[in-house]
Amino acid sequence: MSRLGLITMLRLGAGLSMSGPLVVLGFELVRTGNTVGGIAFFSVAAVALYLPTYVINQIGGPRAWIRRRLSRGNEQDDDRTGLREWFRRD
């Protein structure tokens, strides 16, 4: 089994911190008899647990971030600087 990296641990921590309270609330609803509400909170908690991983995968991950930053350093400097560079798509 491979060791967890820093980004993986941050994703797990973010997912657990978002889904933990939802699981507790869902369990409490199931325990008091509101099964439909409890199952709804469990499903939202499952989505919240996976959400940070999904967002990181859509952005491209840390290797793609580093590759993009290094490739920008090789280009000629033009009039685009700062935030304008981030929002402009070539």
PDB file of N, CA and C in Angstrom:
ATOM      1  N   MET A   1       0.841  -1.173   0.000  1.00  0.00           N
ATOM      2  CA  MET A   1       0.000   0.000   0.000  1.00  0.00           C
ATOM      3  C   MET A   1       0.892   1.244   0.000  1.00  0.00           C
ATOM      4  N   SER A   2       0.570   2.165  -0.835  1.00  0.00           N
ATOM      5  CA  SER A   2       1.371   3.390  -0.901  1.00  0.00           C
ATOM      6  C   SER A   2       0.998   4.326   0.246  1.00  0.00           C
ATOM      7  N   ARG A   3       1.942   5.165   0.598  1.00  0.00           N
ATOM      8  CA  ARG A   3       1.697   6.124   1.673  1.00  0.00           C
ATOM      9  C   ARG A   3       0.838   7.274   1.173  1.00  0.00           C
ATOM     10  N   LEU A   4       0.129   7.881   2.102  1.00  0.00           N
ATOM     11  CA  LEU A   4      -0.705   9.016   1.748  1.00  0.00           C
ATOM     12  C   LEU A   4       0.166  10.260   1.607  1.00  0.00           C
ATOM     13  N   GLY A   5      -0.085  11.026   0.569  1.00  0.00           N
ATOM     14  CA  GLY A   5       0.619  12.277   0.379  1.00  0.00           C
ATOM     15  C   GLY A   5      -0.091  13.417   1.083  1.00  0.00           C
ATOM     16  N   LEU A   6       0.527  14.564   1.056  1.00  0.00           N
ATOM     17  CA  LEU A   6      -0.032  15.730   1.729  1.00  0.00           C
ATOM     18  C   LEU A   6      -1.371  16.144   1.125  1.00  0.00           C
ATOM     19  N   ILE A   7      -1.439  16.170  -0.213  1.00  0.00           N
ATOM     20  CA  ILE A   7      -2.692  16.565  -0.873  1.00  0.00           C
ATOM     21  C   ILE A   7      -3.804  15.565  -0.561  1.00  0.00           C
ATOM     22  N   THR A   8      -3.487  14.281  -0.539  1.00  0.00           N
ATOM     23  CA  THR A   8      -4.487  13.260  -0.233  1.00  0.00           C
ATOM     24  C   THR A   8      -5.004  13.415   1.193  1.00  0.00           C
ATOM     25  N   MET A   9      -4.099  13.689   2.122  1.00  0.00           N
ATOM     26  CA  MET A   9      -4.536  13.884   3.506  1.00  0.00           C
ATOM     27  C   MET A   9      -5.398  15.134   3.645  1.00  0.00           C
ATOM     28  N   LEU A  10      -5.067  16.194   2.919  1.00  0.00           N
ATOM     29  CA  LEU A  10      -5.898  17.403   2.961  1.00  0.00           C
ATOM     30  C   LEU A  10      -7.281  17.145   2.371  1.00  0.00           C
ATOM     31  N   ARG A  11      -7.333  16.376   1.269  1.00  0.00           N
ATOM     32  CA  ARG A  11      -8.637  16.034   0.679  1.00  0.00           C
ATOM     33  C   ARG A  11      -9.476  15.218   1.650  1.00  0.00           C
ATOM     34  N   LEU A  12      -8.851  14.224   2.308  1.00  0.00           N
ATOM     35  CA  LEU A  12      -9.586  13.402   3.267  1.00  0.00           C
ATOM     36  C   LEU A  12     -10.069  14.233   4.451  1.00  0.00           C
ATOM     37  N   GLY A  13      -9.211  15.091   4.954  1.00  0.00           N
ATOM     38  CA  GLY A  13      -9.605  15.947   6.078  1.00  0.00           C
ATOM     39  C   GLY A  13     -10.744  16.878   5.722  1.00  0.00           C
ATOM     40  N   ALA A  14     -10.679  17.469   4.524  1.00  0.00           N
ATOM     41  CA  ALA A  14     -11.757  18.369   4.095  1.00  0.00           C
ATOM     42  C   ALA A  14     -13.058  17.604   3.910  1.00  0.00           C
ATOM     43  N   GLY A  15     -12.982  16.429   3.301  1.00  0.00           N
ATOM     44  CA  GLY A  15     -14.191  15.631   3.104  1.00  0.00           C
ATOM     45  C   GLY A  15     -14.808  15.167   4.407  1.00  0.00           C
ATOM     46  N   LEU A  16     -13.958  14.718   5.335  1.00  0.00           N
ATOM     47  CA  LEU A  16     -14.482  14.262   6.623  1.00  0.00           C
ATOM     48  C   LEU A  16     -15.051  15.412   7.450  1.00  0.00           C
ATOM     49  N   SER A  17     -14.429  16.574   7.361  1.00  0.00           N
ATOM     50  CA  SER A  17     -14.952  17.697   8.145  1.00  0.00           C
ATOM     51  C   SER A  17     -16.294  18.189   7.606  1.00  0.00           C
ATOM     52  N   MET A  18     -16.522  18.014   6.300  1.00  0.00           N
ATOM     53  CA  MET A  18     -17.825  18.400   5.742  1.00  0.00           C
ATOM     54  C   MET A  18     -18.875  17.323   5.965  1.00  0.00           C
ATOM     55  N   SER A  19     -18.490  16.055   5.877  1.00  0.00           N
ATOM     56  CA  SER A  19     -19.493  14.994   5.943  1.00  0.00           C
ATOM     57  C   SER A  19     -19.739  14.482   7.365  1.00  0.00           C
ATOM     58  N   GLY A  20     -18.810  14.686   8.277  1.00  0.00           N
ATOM     59  CA  GLY A  20     -18.973  14.189   9.640  1.00  0.00           C
ATOM     60  C   GLY A  20     -20.238  14.678  10.328  1.00  0.00           C
ATOM     61  N   PRO A  21     -20.466  15.990  10.374  1.00  0.00           N
ATOM     62  CA  PRO A  21     -21.704  16.465  11.011  1.00  0.00           C
ATOM     63  C   PRO A  21     -22.970  15.978  10.310  1.00  0.00           C
ATOM     64  N   LEU A  22     -22.908  15.809   9.005  1.00  0.00           N
ATOM     65  CA  LEU A  22     -24.082  15.316   8.284  1.00  0.00           C
ATOM     66  C   LEU A  22     -24.386  13.867   8.645  1.00  0.00           C
ATOM     67  N   VAL A  23     -23.353  13.066   8.855  1.00  0.00           N
ATOM     68  CA  VAL A  23     -23.556  11.666   9.255  1.00  0.00           C
ATOM     69  C   VAL A  23     -24.170  11.615  10.649  1.00  0.00           C
ATOM     70  N   VAL A  24     -23.676  12.442  11.558  1.00  0.00           N
ATOM     71  CA  VAL A  24     -24.230  12.473  12.920  1.00  0.00           C
ATOM     72  C   VAL A  24     -25.703  12.876  12.877  1.00  0.00           C
ATOM     73  N   LEU A  25     -26.017  13.892  12.088  1.00  0.00           N
ATOM     74  CA  LEU A  25     -27.400  14.335  11.972  1.00  0.00           C
ATOM     75  C   LEU A  25     -28.276  13.250  11.335  1.00  0.00           C
ATOM     76  N   GLY A  26     -27.759  12.587  10.304  1.00  0.00           N
ATOM     77  CA  GLY A  26     -28.508  11.498   9.674  1.00  0.00           C
ATOM     78  C   GLY A  26     -28.750  10.349  10.630  1.00  0.00           C
ATOM     79  N   PHE A  27     -27.749  10.003  11.420  1.00  0.00           N
ATOM     80  CA  PHE A  27     -27.919   8.939  12.407  1.00  0.00           C
ATOM     81  C   PHE A  27     -28.975   9.309  13.442  1.00  0.00           C
ATOM     82  N   GLU A  28     -28.950  10.561  13.872  1.00  0.00           N
ATOM     83  CA  GLU A  28     -29.936  11.000  14.865  1.00  0.00           C
ATOM     84  C   GLU A  28     -31.355  10.960  14.286  1.00  0.00           C
ATOM     85  N   LEU A  29     -31.495  11.345  13.021  1.00  0.00           N
ATOM     86  CA  LEU A  29     -32.819  11.291  12.397  1.00  0.00           C
ATOM     87  C   LEU A  29     -33.313   9.852  12.245  1.00  0.00           C
ATOM     88  N   VAL A  30     -32.425   8.940  11.867  1.00  0.00           N
ATOM     89  CA  VAL A  30     -32.826   7.528  11.744  1.00  0.00           C
ATOM     90  C   VAL A  30     -33.189   6.971  13.118  1.00  0.00           C
ATOM     91  N   ARG A  31     -32.425   7.341  14.136  1.00  0.00           N
ATOM     92  CA  ARG A  31     -32.678   6.839  15.488  1.00  0.00           C
ATOM     93  C   ARG A  31     -34.018   7.313  16.042  1.00  0.00           C
ATOM     94  N   THR A  32     -34.411   8.543  15.707  1.00  0.00           N
ATOM     95  CA  THR A  32     -35.681   9.069  16.226  1.00  0.00           C
ATOM     96  C   THR A  32     -36.886   8.692  15.376  1.00  0.00           C
ATOM     97  N   GLY A  33     -36.657   8.016  14.252  1.00  0.00           N
ATOM     98  CA  GLY A  33     -37.785   7.523  13.474  1.00  0.00           C
ATOM     99  C   GLY A  33     -37.982   8.188  12.132  1.00  0.00           C
ATOM    100  N   ASN A  34     -37.255   9.225  11.816  1.00  0.00           N
ATOM    101  CA  ASN A  34     -37.379   9.888  10.520  1.00  0.00           C
ATOM    102  C   ASN A  34     -36.372   9.255   9.548  1.00  0.00           C
ATOM    103  N   THR A  35     -36.749   8.083   9.039  1.00  0.00           N
ATOM    104  CA  THR A  35     -35.831   7.309   8.203  1.00  0.00           C
ATOM    105  C   THR A  35     -35.530   7.998   6.881  1.00  0.00           C
ATOM    106  N   VAL A  36     -36.535   8.593   6.265  1.00  0.00           N
ATOM    107  CA  VAL A  36     -36.330   9.253   4.964  1.00  0.00           C
ATOM    108  C   VAL A  36     -35.357  10.417   5.107  1.00  0.00           C
ATOM    109  N   GLY A  37     -35.527  11.229   6.134  1.00  0.00           N
ATOM    110  CA  GLY A  37     -34.608  12.348   6.367  1.00  0.00           C
ATOM    111  C   GLY A  37     -33.202  11.874   6.684  1.00  0.00           C
ATOM    112  N   GLY A  38     -33.097  10.800   7.464  1.00  0.00           N
ATOM    113  CA  GLY A  38     -31.788  10.247   7.799  1.00  0.00           C
ATOM    114  C   GLY A  38     -31.051   9.734   6.582  1.00  0.00           C
ATOM    115  N   ILE A  39     -31.771   9.014   5.716  1.00  0.00           N
ATOM    116  CA  ILE A  39     -31.152   8.500   4.491  1.00  0.00           C
ATOM    117  C   ILE A  39     -30.751   9.654   3.576  1.00  0.00           C
ATOM    118  N   ALA A  40     -31.559  10.704   3.549  1.00  0.00           N
ATOM    119  CA  ALA A  40     -31.212  11.882   2.741  1.00  0.00           C
ATOM    120  C   ALA A  40     -29.918  12.518   3.254  1.00  0.00           C
ATOM    121  N   PHE A  41     -29.769  12.645   4.564  1.00  0.00           N
ATOM    122  CA  PHE A  41     -28.542  13.222   5.113  1.00  0.00           C
ATOM    123  C   PHE A  41     -27.343  12.304   4.887  1.00  0.00           C
ATOM    124  N   PHE A  42     -27.546  10.986   4.960  1.00  0.00           N
ATOM    125  CA  PHE A  42     -26.451  10.060   4.659  1.00  0.00           C
ATOM    126  C   PHE A  42     -25.990  10.201   3.210  1.00  0.00           C
ATOM    127  N   SER A  43     -26.925  10.378   2.295  1.00  0.00           N
ATOM    128  CA  SER A  43     -26.541  10.522   0.883  1.00  0.00           C
ATOM    129  C   SER A  43     -25.832  11.852   0.635  1.00  0.00           C
ATOM    130  N   VAL A  44     -26.291  12.921   1.282  1.00  0.00           N
ATOM    131  CA  VAL A  44     -25.603  14.210   1.150  1.00  0.00           C
ATOM    132  C   VAL A  44     -24.206  14.121   1.767  1.00  0.00           C
ATOM    133  N   ALA A  45     -24.071  13.376   2.856  1.00  0.00           N
ATOM    134  CA  ALA A  45     -22.758  13.192   3.477  1.00  0.00           C
ATOM    135  C   ALA A  45     -21.816  12.421   2.554  1.00  0.00           C
ATOM    136  N   ALA A  46     -22.341  11.432   1.832  1.00  0.00           N
ATOM    137  CA  ALA A  46     -21.500  10.694   0.885  1.00  0.00           C
ATOM    138  C   ALA A  46     -21.007  11.605  -0.234  1.00  0.00           C
ATOM    139  N   VAL A  47     -21.865  12.489  -0.707  1.00  0.00           N
ATOM    140  CA  VAL A  47     -21.462  13.454  -1.739  1.00  0.00           C
ATOM    141  C   VAL A  47     -20.426  14.424  -1.178  1.00  0.00           C
ATOM    142  N   ALA A  48     -20.638  14.904   0.040  1.00  0.00           N
ATOM    143  CA  ALA A  48     -19.702  15.848   0.652  1.00  0.00           C
ATOM    144  C   ALA A  48     -18.349  15.205   0.927  1.00  0.00           C
ATOM    145  N   LEU A  49     -18.339  13.906   1.203  1.00  0.00           N
ATOM    146  CA  LEU A  49     -17.084  13.198   1.440  1.00  0.00           C
ATOM    147  C   LEU A  49     -16.249  13.139   0.169  1.00  0.00           C
ATOM    148  N   TYR A  50     -16.880  12.965  -0.969  1.00  0.00           N
ATOM    149  CA  TYR A  50     -16.155  12.834  -2.232  1.00  0.00           C
ATOM    150  C   TYR A  50     -15.920  14.180  -2.927  1.00  0.00           C
ATOM    151  N   LEU A  51     -16.614  15.229  -2.527  1.00  0.00           N
ATOM    152  CA  LEU A  51     -16.547  16.522  -3.212  1.00  0.00           C
ATOM    153  C   LEU A  51     -15.134  17.104  -3.345  1.00  0.00           C
ATOM    154  N   PRO A  52     -14.294  17.136  -2.299  1.00  0.00           N
ATOM    155  CA  PRO A  52     -12.939  17.680  -2.486  1.00  0.00           C
ATOM    156  C   PRO A  52     -12.113  16.904  -3.513  1.00  0.00           C
ATOM    157  N   THR A  53     -12.248  15.593  -3.539  1.00  0.00           N
ATOM    158  CA  THR A  53     -11.522  14.784  -4.521  1.00  0.00           C
ATOM    159  C   THR A  53     -12.008  15.092  -5.923  1.00  0.00           C
ATOM    160  N   TYR A  54     -13.302  15.256  -6.100  1.00  0.00           N
ATOM    161  CA  TYR A  54     -13.864  15.584  -7.400  1.00  0.00           C
ATOM    162  C   TYR A  54     -13.356  16.935  -7.892  1.00  0.00           C
ATOM    163  N   VAL A  55     -13.345  17.926  -7.001  1.00  0.00           N
ATOM    164  CA  VAL A  55     -12.889  19.262  -7.394  1.00  0.00           C
ATOM    165  C   VAL A  55     -11.415  19.232  -7.790  1.00  0.00           C
ATOM    166  N   ILE A  56     -10.590  18.551  -7.013  1.00  0.00           N
ATOM    167  CA  ILE A  56      -9.160  18.455  -7.332  1.00  0.00           C
ATOM    168  C   ILE A  56      -8.960  17.747  -8.661  1.00  0.00           C
ATOM    169  N   ASN A  57      -9.711  16.694  -8.926  1.00  0.00           N
ATOM    170  CA  ASN A  57      -9.578  15.980 -10.201  1.00  0.00           C
ATOM    171  C   ASN A  57     -10.035  16.830 -11.377  1.00  0.00           C
ATOM    172  N   GLN A  58     -11.043  17.674 -11.185  1.00  0.00           N
ATOM    173  CA  GLN A  58     -11.499  18.533 -12.268  1.00  0.00           C
ATOM    174  C   GLN A  58     -10.486  19.632 -12.575  1.00  0.00           C
ATOM    175  N   ILE A  59      -9.814  20.125 -11.557  1.00  0.00           N
ATOM    176  CA  ILE A  59      -8.795  21.148 -11.763  1.00  0.00           C
ATOM    177  C   ILE A  59      -7.570  20.542 -12.426  1.00  0.00           C
ATOM    178  N   GLY A  60      -7.267  19.306 -12.126  1.00  0.00           N
ATOM    179  CA  GLY A  60      -6.143  18.639 -12.762  1.00  0.00           C
ATOM    180  C   GLY A  60      -5.131  18.089 -11.790  1.00  0.00           C
ATOM    181  N   GLY A  61      -5.215  18.404 -10.541  1.00  0.00           N
ATOM    182  CA  GLY A  61      -4.303  17.876  -9.548  1.00  0.00           C
ATOM    183  C   GLY A  61      -3.036  18.694  -9.426  1.00  0.00           C
ATOM    184  N   PRO A  62      -2.257  18.408  -8.385  1.00  0.00           N
ATOM    185  CA  PRO A  62      -1.072  19.212  -8.102  1.00  0.00           C
ATOM    186  C   PRO A  62       0.011  19.111  -9.166  1.00  0.00           C
ATOM    187  N   ARG A  63       0.153  17.966  -9.815  1.00  0.00           N
ATOM    188  CA  ARG A  63       1.173  17.848 -10.862  1.00  0.00           C
ATOM    189  C   ARG A  63       0.847  18.749 -12.044  1.00  0.00           C
ATOM    190  N   ALA A  64      -0.425  18.833 -12.395  1.00  0.00           N
ATOM    191  CA  ALA A  64      -0.822  19.722 -13.489  1.00  0.00           C
ATOM    192  C   ALA A  64      -0.624  21.183 -13.100  1.00  0.00           C
ATOM    193  N   TRP A  65      -0.869  21.521 -11.833  1.00  0.00           N
ATOM    194  CA  TRP A  65      -0.650  22.899 -11.380  1.00  0.00           C
ATOM    195  C   TRP A  65       0.815  23.276 -11.545  1.00  0.00           C
ATOM    196  N   ILE A  66       1.701  22.371 -11.109  1.00  0.00           N
ATOM    197  CA  ILE A  66       3.141  22.652 -11.204  1.00  0.00           C
ATOM    198  C   ILE A  66       3.555  22.761 -12.662  1.00  0.00           C
ATOM    199  N   ARG A  67       3.051  21.858 -13.502  1.00  0.00           N
ATOM    200  CA  ARG A  67       3.385  21.907 -14.929  1.00  0.00           C
ATOM    201  C   ARG A  67       2.933  23.223 -15.559  1.00  0.00           C
ATOM    202  N   ARG A  68       1.731  23.668 -15.210  1.00  0.00           N
ATOM    203  CA  ARG A  68       1.233  24.933 -15.753  1.00  0.00           C
ATOM    204  C   ARG A  68       2.071  26.108 -15.302  1.00  0.00           C
ATOM    205  N   ARG A  69       2.444  26.133 -14.030  1.00  0.00           N
ATOM    206  CA  ARG A  69       3.242  27.242 -13.512  1.00  0.00           C
ATOM    207  C   ARG A  69       4.631  27.270 -14.154  1.00  0.00           C
ATOM    208  N   LEU A  70       5.231  26.105 -14.365  1.00  0.00           N
ATOM    209  CA  LEU A  70       6.555  26.058 -14.985  1.00  0.00           C
ATOM    210  C   LEU A  70       6.489  26.449 -16.456  1.00  0.00           C
ATOM    211  N   SER A  71       5.426  26.068 -17.145  1.00  0.00           N
ATOM    212  CA  SER A  71       5.326  26.409 -18.567  1.00  0.00           C
ATOM    213  C   SER A  71       5.080  27.899 -18.759  1.00  0.00           C
ATOM    214  N   ARG A  72       4.440  28.546 -17.816  1.00  0.00           N
ATOM    215  CA  ARG A  72       4.227  29.991 -17.925  1.00  0.00           C
ATOM    216  C   ARG A  72       5.528  30.759 -17.776  1.00  0.00           C
ATOM    217  N   GLY A  73       6.478  30.195 -17.030  1.00  0.00           N
ATOM    218  CA  GLY A  73       7.747  30.881 -16.852  1.00  0.00           C
ATOM    219  C   GLY A  73       8.591  30.888 -18.115  1.00  0.00           C
ATOM    220  N   ASN A  74       8.342  29.962 -19.034  1.00  0.00           N
ATOM    221  CA  ASN A  74       9.120  29.889 -20.263  1.00  0.00           C
ATOM    222  C   ASN A  74       8.596  30.801 -21.360  1.00  0.00           C
ATOM    223  N   GLU A  75       7.356  31.269 -21.225  1.00  0.00           N
ATOM    224  CA  GLU A  75       6.780  32.120 -22.263  1.00  0.00           C
ATOM    225  C   GLU A  75       7.337  33.534 -22.160  1.00  0.00           C
ATOM    226  N   GLN A  76       7.216  34.268 -23.245  1.00  0.00           N
ATOM    227  CA  GLN A  76       7.637  35.664 -23.218  1.00  0.00           C
ATOM    228  C   GLN A  76       6.651  36.454 -22.380  1.00  0.00           C
ATOM    229  N   ASP A  77       7.183  37.428 -21.668  1.00  0.00           N
ATOM    230  CA  ASP A  77       6.311  38.287 -20.880  1.00  0.00           C
ATOM    231  C   ASP A  77       5.606  39.268 -21.798  1.00  0.00           C
ATOM    232  N   ASP A  78       4.306  39.330 -21.708  1.00  0.00           N
ATOM    233  CA  ASP A  78       3.549  40.302 -22.478  1.00  0.00           C
ATOM    234  C   ASP A  78       2.768  41.180 -21.512  1.00  0.00           C
ATOM    235  N   ASP A  79       1.742  41.840 -21.978  1.00  0.00           N
ATOM    236  CA  ASP A  79       1.042  42.805 -21.134  1.00  0.00           C
ATOM    237  C   ASP A  79       0.126  42.161 -20.096  1.00  0.00           C
ATOM    238  N   ARG A  80      -0.047  40.842 -20.134  1.00  0.00           N
ATOM    239  CA  ARG A  80      -0.902  40.173 -19.156  1.00  0.00           C
ATOM    240  C   ARG A  80      -0.126  39.931 -17.865  1.00  0.00           C
ATOM    241  N   THR A  81      -0.652  40.407 -16.773  1.00  0.00           N
ATOM    242  CA  THR A  81      -0.017  40.185 -15.481  1.00  0.00           C
ATOM    243  C   THR A  81      -1.084  39.954 -14.431  1.00  0.00           C
ATOM    244  N   GLY A  82      -0.698  39.319 -13.362  1.00  0.00           N
ATOM    245  CA  GLY A  82      -1.567  39.151 -12.204  1.00  0.00           C
ATOM    246  C   GLY A  82      -2.815  38.341 -12.481  1.00  0.00           C
ATOM    247  N   LEU A  83      -3.938  38.854 -11.992  1.00  0.00           N
ATOM    248  CA  LEU A  83      -5.193  38.124 -12.096  1.00  0.00           C
ATOM    249  C   LEU A  83      -5.679  37.987 -13.537  1.00  0.00           C
ATOM    250  N   ARG A  84      -5.367  38.955 -14.366  1.00  0.00           N
ATOM    251  CA  ARG A  84      -5.812  38.868 -15.758  1.00  0.00           C
ATOM    252  C   ARG A  84      -5.254  37.626 -16.429  1.00  0.00           C
ATOM    253  N   GLU A  85      -4.035  37.232 -16.050  1.00  0.00           N
ATOM    254  CA  GLU A  85      -3.420  36.042 -16.642  1.00  0.00           C
ATOM    255  C   GLU A  85      -4.166  34.771 -16.255  1.00  0.00           C
ATOM    256  N   TRP A  86      -4.653  34.717 -15.019  1.00  0.00           N
ATOM    257  CA  TRP A  86      -5.363  33.537 -14.559  1.00  0.00           C
ATOM    258  C   TRP A  86      -6.703  33.361 -15.265  1.00  0.00           C
ATOM    259  N   PHE A  87      -7.379  34.468 -15.571  1.00  0.00           N
ATOM    260  CA  PHE A  87      -8.710  34.376 -16.142  1.00  0.00           C
ATOM    261  C   PHE A  87      -8.712  34.290 -17.664  1.00  0.00           C
ATOM    262  N   ARG A  88      -7.630  34.605 -18.267  1.00  0.00           N
ATOM    263  CA  ARG A  88      -7.582  34.571 -19.718  1.00  0.00           C
ATOM    264  C   ARG A  88      -7.199  33.181 -20.199  1.00  0.00           C
ATOM    265  N   ARG A  89      -7.966  32.639 -21.111  1.00  0.00           N
ATOM    266  CA  ARG A  89      -7.701  31.310 -21.686  1.00  0.00           C
ATOM    267  C   ARG A  89      -7.123  31.476 -23.083  1.00  0.00           C
ATOM    268  N   ASP A  90      -6.013  30.827 -23.342  1.00  0.00           N
ATOM    269  CA  ASP A  90      -5.390  30.905 -24.677  1.00  0.00           C
ATOM    270  C   ASP A  90      -5.888  29.777 -25.556  1.00  0.00           C
TER     271      ASP A  90
END
